[in-house]
């Protein structure tokens, strides 16, 4: 089970940190990712951190967002800086441990003045 938190309303240029807490004893083996879905759009990939700590980012967030994980806390984070109105979306975390895949329920991020 994955539970996201940390969403909210923020002004353009502001920051938020999303958290995704996982249950289970093999979190460290999972590749974890963040995705987002804006109204009327398809869900899109944002960032991934592998089970060995390798990170990858979508071009739209590179240099502004940072994904990290704390295996001792079974938690993955998404630090979002320099937020833009186009970052407004529901953000979801996903855990993958082949062949299994788990999604959280999502947390709303709204960037608006």
N, C-alpha and C. Protein backbone atom coordinates (compact mmCIF):
# COMPACT_ATOMS: atom_id res chain seq x y z
N UNK A 1 0.85 -1.19 0.00
CA UNK A 1 0.00 0.00 0.00
C UNK A 1 0.89 1.25 0.00
N UNK A 2 0.49 2.22 -0.82
CA UNK A 2 1.23 3.48 -0.93
C UNK A 2 0.31 4.62 -0.56
N UNK A 3 0.79 5.54 0.27
CA UNK A 3 -0.03 6.68 0.71
C UNK A 3 0.77 7.96 0.52
N UNK A 4 0.27 8.83 -0.39
CA UNK A 4 0.92 10.10 -0.64
C UNK A 4 0.42 11.17 0.33
N UNK A 5 1.26 12.16 0.56
CA UNK A 5 0.88 13.32 1.37
C UNK A 5 1.76 14.49 0.97
N UNK A 6 1.39 15.68 1.43
CA UNK A 6 2.21 16.85 1.20
C UNK A 6 1.72 17.81 0.13
N UNK A 7 0.65 17.44 -0.55
CA UNK A 7 0.12 18.33 -1.57
C UNK A 7 -0.54 19.55 -0.96
N UNK A 8 -0.91 20.50 -1.82
CA UNK A 8 -1.57 21.69 -1.34
C UNK A 8 -1.55 22.80 -2.37
N UNK A 9 -1.88 24.00 -1.90
CA UNK A 9 -1.89 25.19 -2.75
C UNK A 9 -0.62 25.99 -2.49
N UNK A 10 0.06 26.35 -3.57
CA UNK A 10 1.30 27.12 -3.43
C UNK A 10 1.35 28.16 -4.54
N UNK A 11 1.99 29.28 -4.27
CA UNK A 11 2.13 30.33 -5.29
C UNK A 11 3.22 29.96 -6.29
N UNK A 12 3.13 30.49 -7.48
CA UNK A 12 4.21 30.26 -8.46
C UNK A 12 5.56 30.67 -7.88
N UNK A 13 6.56 29.83 -8.13
CA UNK A 13 7.89 30.05 -7.57
C UNK A 13 8.11 29.40 -6.22
N UNK A 14 7.04 28.90 -5.63
CA UNK A 14 7.14 28.28 -4.32
C UNK A 14 7.60 26.83 -4.38
N UNK A 15 7.61 26.20 -3.20
CA UNK A 15 8.10 24.83 -3.07
C UNK A 15 7.11 23.97 -2.29
N UNK A 16 7.13 22.69 -2.58
CA UNK A 16 6.40 21.69 -1.81
C UNK A 16 7.24 20.42 -1.78
N UNK A 17 7.06 19.63 -0.73
CA UNK A 17 7.67 18.32 -0.69
C UNK A 17 6.58 17.28 -0.50
N UNK A 18 6.49 16.38 -1.47
CA UNK A 18 5.55 15.28 -1.40
C UNK A 18 6.23 14.06 -0.77
N UNK A 19 5.44 13.30 -0.04
CA UNK A 19 5.92 12.07 0.56
C UNK A 19 5.02 10.92 0.12
N UNK A 20 5.61 9.75 0.03
CA UNK A 20 4.86 8.54 -0.30
C UNK A 20 5.35 7.45 0.64
N UNK A 21 4.49 7.07 1.57
CA UNK A 21 4.84 6.05 2.55
C UNK A 21 4.33 4.70 2.09
N UNK A 22 5.21 3.70 2.19
CA UNK A 22 4.87 2.35 1.74
C UNK A 22 4.82 1.39 2.91
N UNK A 23 3.92 0.45 2.81
CA UNK A 23 3.88 -0.62 3.79
C UNK A 23 4.58 -1.84 3.20
N UNK A 24 5.05 -2.71 4.06
CA UNK A 24 5.74 -3.90 3.56
C UNK A 24 7.20 -3.89 3.94
N UNK A 25 7.81 -5.04 3.84
CA UNK A 25 9.17 -5.21 4.35
C UNK A 25 10.24 -5.18 3.27
N UNK A 26 9.83 -5.08 1.99
CA UNK A 26 10.84 -5.11 0.93
C UNK A 26 10.85 -3.83 0.12
N UNK A 27 10.52 -2.71 0.78
CA UNK A 27 10.48 -1.42 0.08
C UNK A 27 11.78 -1.15 -0.63
N UNK A 28 12.90 -1.48 -0.02
CA UNK A 28 14.21 -1.17 -0.60
C UNK A 28 14.43 -1.85 -1.95
N UNK A 29 13.68 -2.89 -2.22
CA UNK A 29 13.83 -3.60 -3.48
C UNK A 29 13.02 -2.97 -4.61
N UNK A 30 12.13 -2.06 -4.27
CA UNK A 30 11.24 -1.47 -5.25
C UNK A 30 11.89 -0.31 -5.99
N UNK A 31 11.62 -0.21 -7.27
CA UNK A 31 11.85 1.02 -8.01
C UNK A 31 10.63 1.90 -7.78
N UNK A 32 10.86 3.16 -7.44
CA UNK A 32 9.76 4.06 -7.09
C UNK A 32 9.69 5.23 -8.07
N UNK A 33 8.48 5.65 -8.36
CA UNK A 33 8.32 6.75 -9.30
C UNK A 33 7.20 7.68 -8.89
N UNK A 34 7.26 8.88 -9.44
CA UNK A 34 6.20 9.86 -9.30
C UNK A 34 5.61 10.15 -10.67
N UNK A 35 4.31 10.25 -10.72
CA UNK A 35 3.57 10.59 -11.92
C UNK A 35 2.59 11.70 -11.58
N UNK A 36 2.06 12.35 -12.60
CA UNK A 36 1.05 13.37 -12.35
C UNK A 36 0.01 13.38 -13.47
N UNK A 37 -1.17 13.86 -13.10
CA UNK A 37 -2.25 13.94 -14.08
C UNK A 37 -2.98 15.26 -13.89
N UNK A 38 -2.91 16.10 -14.90
CA UNK A 38 -3.61 17.38 -14.89
C UNK A 38 -5.01 17.17 -15.45
N UNK A 39 -5.94 18.08 -15.11
CA UNK A 39 -7.31 17.94 -15.61
C UNK A 39 -7.36 17.87 -17.14
N UNK A 40 -8.06 16.87 -17.66
CA UNK A 40 -8.20 16.73 -19.10
C UNK A 40 -6.99 16.18 -19.81
N UNK A 41 -5.97 15.77 -19.07
CA UNK A 41 -4.75 15.26 -19.69
C UNK A 41 -4.48 13.84 -19.21
N UNK A 42 -3.62 13.16 -19.95
CA UNK A 42 -3.21 11.82 -19.56
C UNK A 42 -2.18 11.89 -18.43
N UNK A 43 -2.13 10.83 -17.68
CA UNK A 43 -1.12 10.75 -16.62
C UNK A 43 0.26 10.71 -17.26
N UNK A 44 1.19 11.47 -16.69
CA UNK A 44 2.54 11.51 -17.24
C UNK A 44 3.57 11.22 -16.15
N UNK A 45 4.68 10.66 -16.62
CA UNK A 45 5.78 10.32 -15.74
C UNK A 45 6.53 11.59 -15.34
N UNK A 46 6.95 11.68 -14.07
CA UNK A 46 7.67 12.84 -13.56
C UNK A 46 9.11 12.47 -13.21
N UNK A 47 9.28 11.44 -12.40
CA UNK A 47 10.63 11.08 -11.93
C UNK A 47 10.62 9.65 -11.42
N UNK A 48 11.81 9.05 -11.44
CA UNK A 48 11.99 7.69 -10.94
C UNK A 48 13.26 7.60 -10.13
N UNK A 49 13.23 6.80 -9.07
CA UNK A 49 14.44 6.45 -8.35
C UNK A 49 14.48 4.93 -8.25
N UNK A 50 15.58 4.36 -8.69
CA UNK A 50 15.68 2.90 -8.70
C UNK A 50 16.02 2.38 -7.31
N UNK A 51 16.00 1.05 -7.19
CA UNK A 51 16.30 0.46 -5.89
C UNK A 51 17.76 0.66 -5.50
N UNK A 52 18.61 1.04 -6.45
CA UNK A 52 20.00 1.35 -6.10
C UNK A 52 20.29 2.85 -6.11
N UNK A 53 19.22 3.66 -6.15
CA UNK A 53 19.36 5.10 -5.99
C UNK A 53 19.55 5.91 -7.25
N UNK A 54 19.52 5.27 -8.41
CA UNK A 54 19.65 6.02 -9.65
C UNK A 54 18.38 6.81 -9.91
N UNK A 55 18.54 8.06 -10.31
CA UNK A 55 17.37 8.93 -10.53
C UNK A 55 17.27 9.35 -11.99
N UNK A 56 16.04 9.55 -12.42
CA UNK A 56 15.76 10.06 -13.76
C UNK A 56 14.59 11.02 -13.67
N UNK A 57 14.56 12.02 -14.57
CA UNK A 57 13.53 13.06 -14.52
C UNK A 57 13.00 13.35 -15.90
N UNK A 58 11.73 13.73 -15.94
CA UNK A 58 11.17 14.26 -17.17
C UNK A 58 11.80 15.62 -17.44
N UNK A 59 11.93 15.96 -18.71
CA UNK A 59 12.55 17.23 -19.08
C UNK A 59 11.83 18.42 -18.47
N UNK A 60 10.53 18.30 -18.32
CA UNK A 60 9.72 19.42 -17.82
C UNK A 60 10.01 19.77 -16.36
N UNK A 61 10.62 18.84 -15.61
CA UNK A 61 10.87 19.10 -14.19
C UNK A 61 12.35 19.06 -13.84
N UNK A 62 13.19 18.69 -14.81
CA UNK A 62 14.62 18.56 -14.55
C UNK A 62 15.19 19.89 -14.05
N UNK A 63 15.96 19.81 -12.96
CA UNK A 63 16.55 21.00 -12.38
C UNK A 63 15.67 21.69 -11.36
N UNK A 64 14.39 21.29 -11.29
CA UNK A 64 13.47 21.91 -10.32
C UNK A 64 12.99 20.89 -9.28
N UNK A 65 12.83 19.65 -9.69
CA UNK A 65 12.32 18.61 -8.80
C UNK A 65 13.45 17.65 -8.44
N UNK A 66 13.38 17.10 -7.23
CA UNK A 66 14.34 16.11 -6.78
C UNK A 66 13.62 14.94 -6.12
N UNK A 67 13.87 13.74 -6.62
CA UNK A 67 13.30 12.54 -6.03
C UNK A 67 14.35 11.91 -5.12
N UNK A 68 13.90 11.41 -3.98
CA UNK A 68 14.82 10.75 -3.05
C UNK A 68 14.03 9.68 -2.28
N UNK A 69 14.77 8.84 -1.59
CA UNK A 69 14.12 7.78 -0.82
C UNK A 69 14.85 7.57 0.49
N UNK A 70 14.09 7.14 1.49
CA UNK A 70 14.63 6.75 2.78
C UNK A 70 14.13 5.35 3.06
N UNK A 71 14.97 4.36 2.80
CA UNK A 71 14.53 2.97 2.94
C UNK A 71 14.23 2.61 4.40
N UNK A 72 14.89 3.29 5.34
CA UNK A 72 14.62 3.00 6.74
C UNK A 72 13.21 3.43 7.14
N UNK A 73 12.67 4.42 6.41
CA UNK A 73 11.32 4.90 6.69
C UNK A 73 10.30 4.42 5.67
N UNK A 74 10.74 3.59 4.73
CA UNK A 74 9.84 3.11 3.68
C UNK A 74 9.13 4.28 2.97
N UNK A 75 9.88 5.31 2.67
CA UNK A 75 9.28 6.53 2.12
C UNK A 75 10.08 7.05 0.94
N UNK A 76 9.37 7.52 -0.07
CA UNK A 76 9.98 8.21 -1.20
C UNK A 76 9.44 9.64 -1.20
N UNK A 77 10.30 10.58 -1.58
CA UNK A 77 9.97 11.99 -1.55
C UNK A 77 10.09 12.61 -2.95
N UNK A 78 9.36 13.70 -3.11
CA UNK A 78 9.53 14.52 -4.30
C UNK A 78 9.60 15.97 -3.84
N UNK A 79 10.81 16.53 -3.86
CA UNK A 79 10.99 17.94 -3.53
C UNK A 79 10.76 18.75 -4.80
N UNK A 80 9.81 19.67 -4.74
CA UNK A 80 9.44 20.45 -5.91
C UNK A 80 9.72 21.92 -5.64
N UNK A 81 10.62 22.49 -6.40
CA UNK A 81 11.00 23.90 -6.26
C UNK A 81 10.62 24.65 -7.53
N UNK A 82 10.61 25.97 -7.42
CA UNK A 82 10.30 26.83 -8.57
C UNK A 82 9.03 26.37 -9.29
N UNK A 83 8.01 26.14 -8.52
CA UNK A 83 6.78 25.60 -9.09
C UNK A 83 6.11 26.58 -10.05
N UNK A 84 5.50 26.01 -11.07
CA UNK A 84 4.82 26.78 -12.11
C UNK A 84 3.34 26.38 -12.15
N UNK A 85 2.50 27.25 -12.67
CA UNK A 85 1.08 26.87 -12.79
C UNK A 85 0.88 25.57 -13.56
N UNK A 86 1.72 25.30 -14.54
CA UNK A 86 1.58 24.07 -15.32
C UNK A 86 1.98 22.82 -14.55
N UNK A 87 2.50 22.98 -13.33
CA UNK A 87 2.77 21.82 -12.47
C UNK A 87 1.51 21.38 -11.72
N UNK A 88 0.44 22.13 -11.84
CA UNK A 88 -0.81 21.78 -11.18
C UNK A 88 -1.32 20.44 -11.69
N UNK A 89 -1.55 19.52 -10.76
CA UNK A 89 -1.98 18.17 -11.12
C UNK A 89 -2.21 17.36 -9.84
N UNK A 90 -2.78 16.19 -10.02
CA UNK A 90 -2.77 15.19 -8.96
C UNK A 90 -1.50 14.37 -9.14
N UNK A 91 -0.73 14.26 -8.07
CA UNK A 91 0.54 13.55 -8.11
C UNK A 91 0.37 12.17 -7.47
N UNK A 92 0.87 11.16 -8.18
CA UNK A 92 0.76 9.78 -7.73
C UNK A 92 2.15 9.17 -7.59
N UNK A 93 2.33 8.32 -6.61
CA UNK A 93 3.55 7.54 -6.56
C UNK A 93 3.25 6.11 -6.99
N UNK A 94 4.26 5.47 -7.53
CA UNK A 94 4.15 4.11 -8.01
C UNK A 94 5.36 3.31 -7.55
N UNK A 95 5.09 2.11 -7.09
CA UNK A 95 6.16 1.19 -6.72
C UNK A 95 6.14 0.00 -7.64
N UNK A 96 7.32 -0.37 -8.14
CA UNK A 96 7.42 -1.47 -9.08
C UNK A 96 8.44 -2.49 -8.58
N UNK A 97 8.00 -3.73 -8.50
CA UNK A 97 8.88 -4.86 -8.17
C UNK A 97 8.37 -6.00 -9.02
N UNK A 98 9.03 -6.15 -10.13
CA UNK A 98 8.52 -7.05 -11.17
C UNK A 98 8.07 -8.38 -10.61
N UNK A 99 6.89 -8.88 -10.97
CA UNK A 99 5.92 -8.30 -11.91
C UNK A 99 4.85 -7.43 -11.25
N UNK A 100 5.11 -7.01 -10.02
CA UNK A 100 4.09 -6.29 -9.28
C UNK A 100 4.24 -4.77 -9.47
N UNK A 101 3.09 -4.09 -9.39
CA UNK A 101 3.05 -2.65 -9.55
C UNK A 101 1.95 -2.10 -8.65
N UNK A 102 2.30 -1.09 -7.86
CA UNK A 102 1.34 -0.52 -6.91
C UNK A 102 1.28 0.99 -7.10
N UNK A 103 0.07 1.54 -6.94
CA UNK A 103 -0.15 2.98 -7.06
C UNK A 103 -0.76 3.50 -5.77
N UNK A 104 -0.41 4.75 -5.46
CA UNK A 104 -1.07 5.44 -4.38
C UNK A 104 -2.36 6.10 -4.87
N UNK A 105 -3.04 6.76 -3.95
CA UNK A 105 -4.34 7.35 -4.27
C UNK A 105 -4.21 8.76 -4.85
N UNK A 106 -3.04 9.35 -4.73
CA UNK A 106 -2.79 10.67 -5.29
C UNK A 106 -2.94 11.79 -4.28
N UNK A 107 -2.23 12.88 -4.55
CA UNK A 107 -2.32 14.08 -3.73
C UNK A 107 -2.35 15.29 -4.67
N UNK A 108 -3.24 16.24 -4.39
CA UNK A 108 -3.43 17.37 -5.28
C UNK A 108 -2.38 18.44 -5.02
N UNK A 109 -1.78 18.92 -6.10
CA UNK A 109 -0.88 20.07 -6.05
C UNK A 109 -1.47 21.15 -6.96
N UNK A 110 -1.68 22.32 -6.39
CA UNK A 110 -2.21 23.45 -7.14
C UNK A 110 -1.26 24.62 -7.02
N UNK A 111 -0.80 25.11 -8.17
CA UNK A 111 0.12 26.25 -8.21
C UNK A 111 -0.65 27.43 -8.79
N UNK A 112 -0.92 28.40 -7.95
CA UNK A 112 -1.74 29.53 -8.38
C UNK A 112 -1.50 30.72 -7.46
N UNK A 113 -1.62 31.90 -8.03
CA UNK A 113 -1.51 33.12 -7.24
C UNK A 113 -2.90 33.59 -6.80
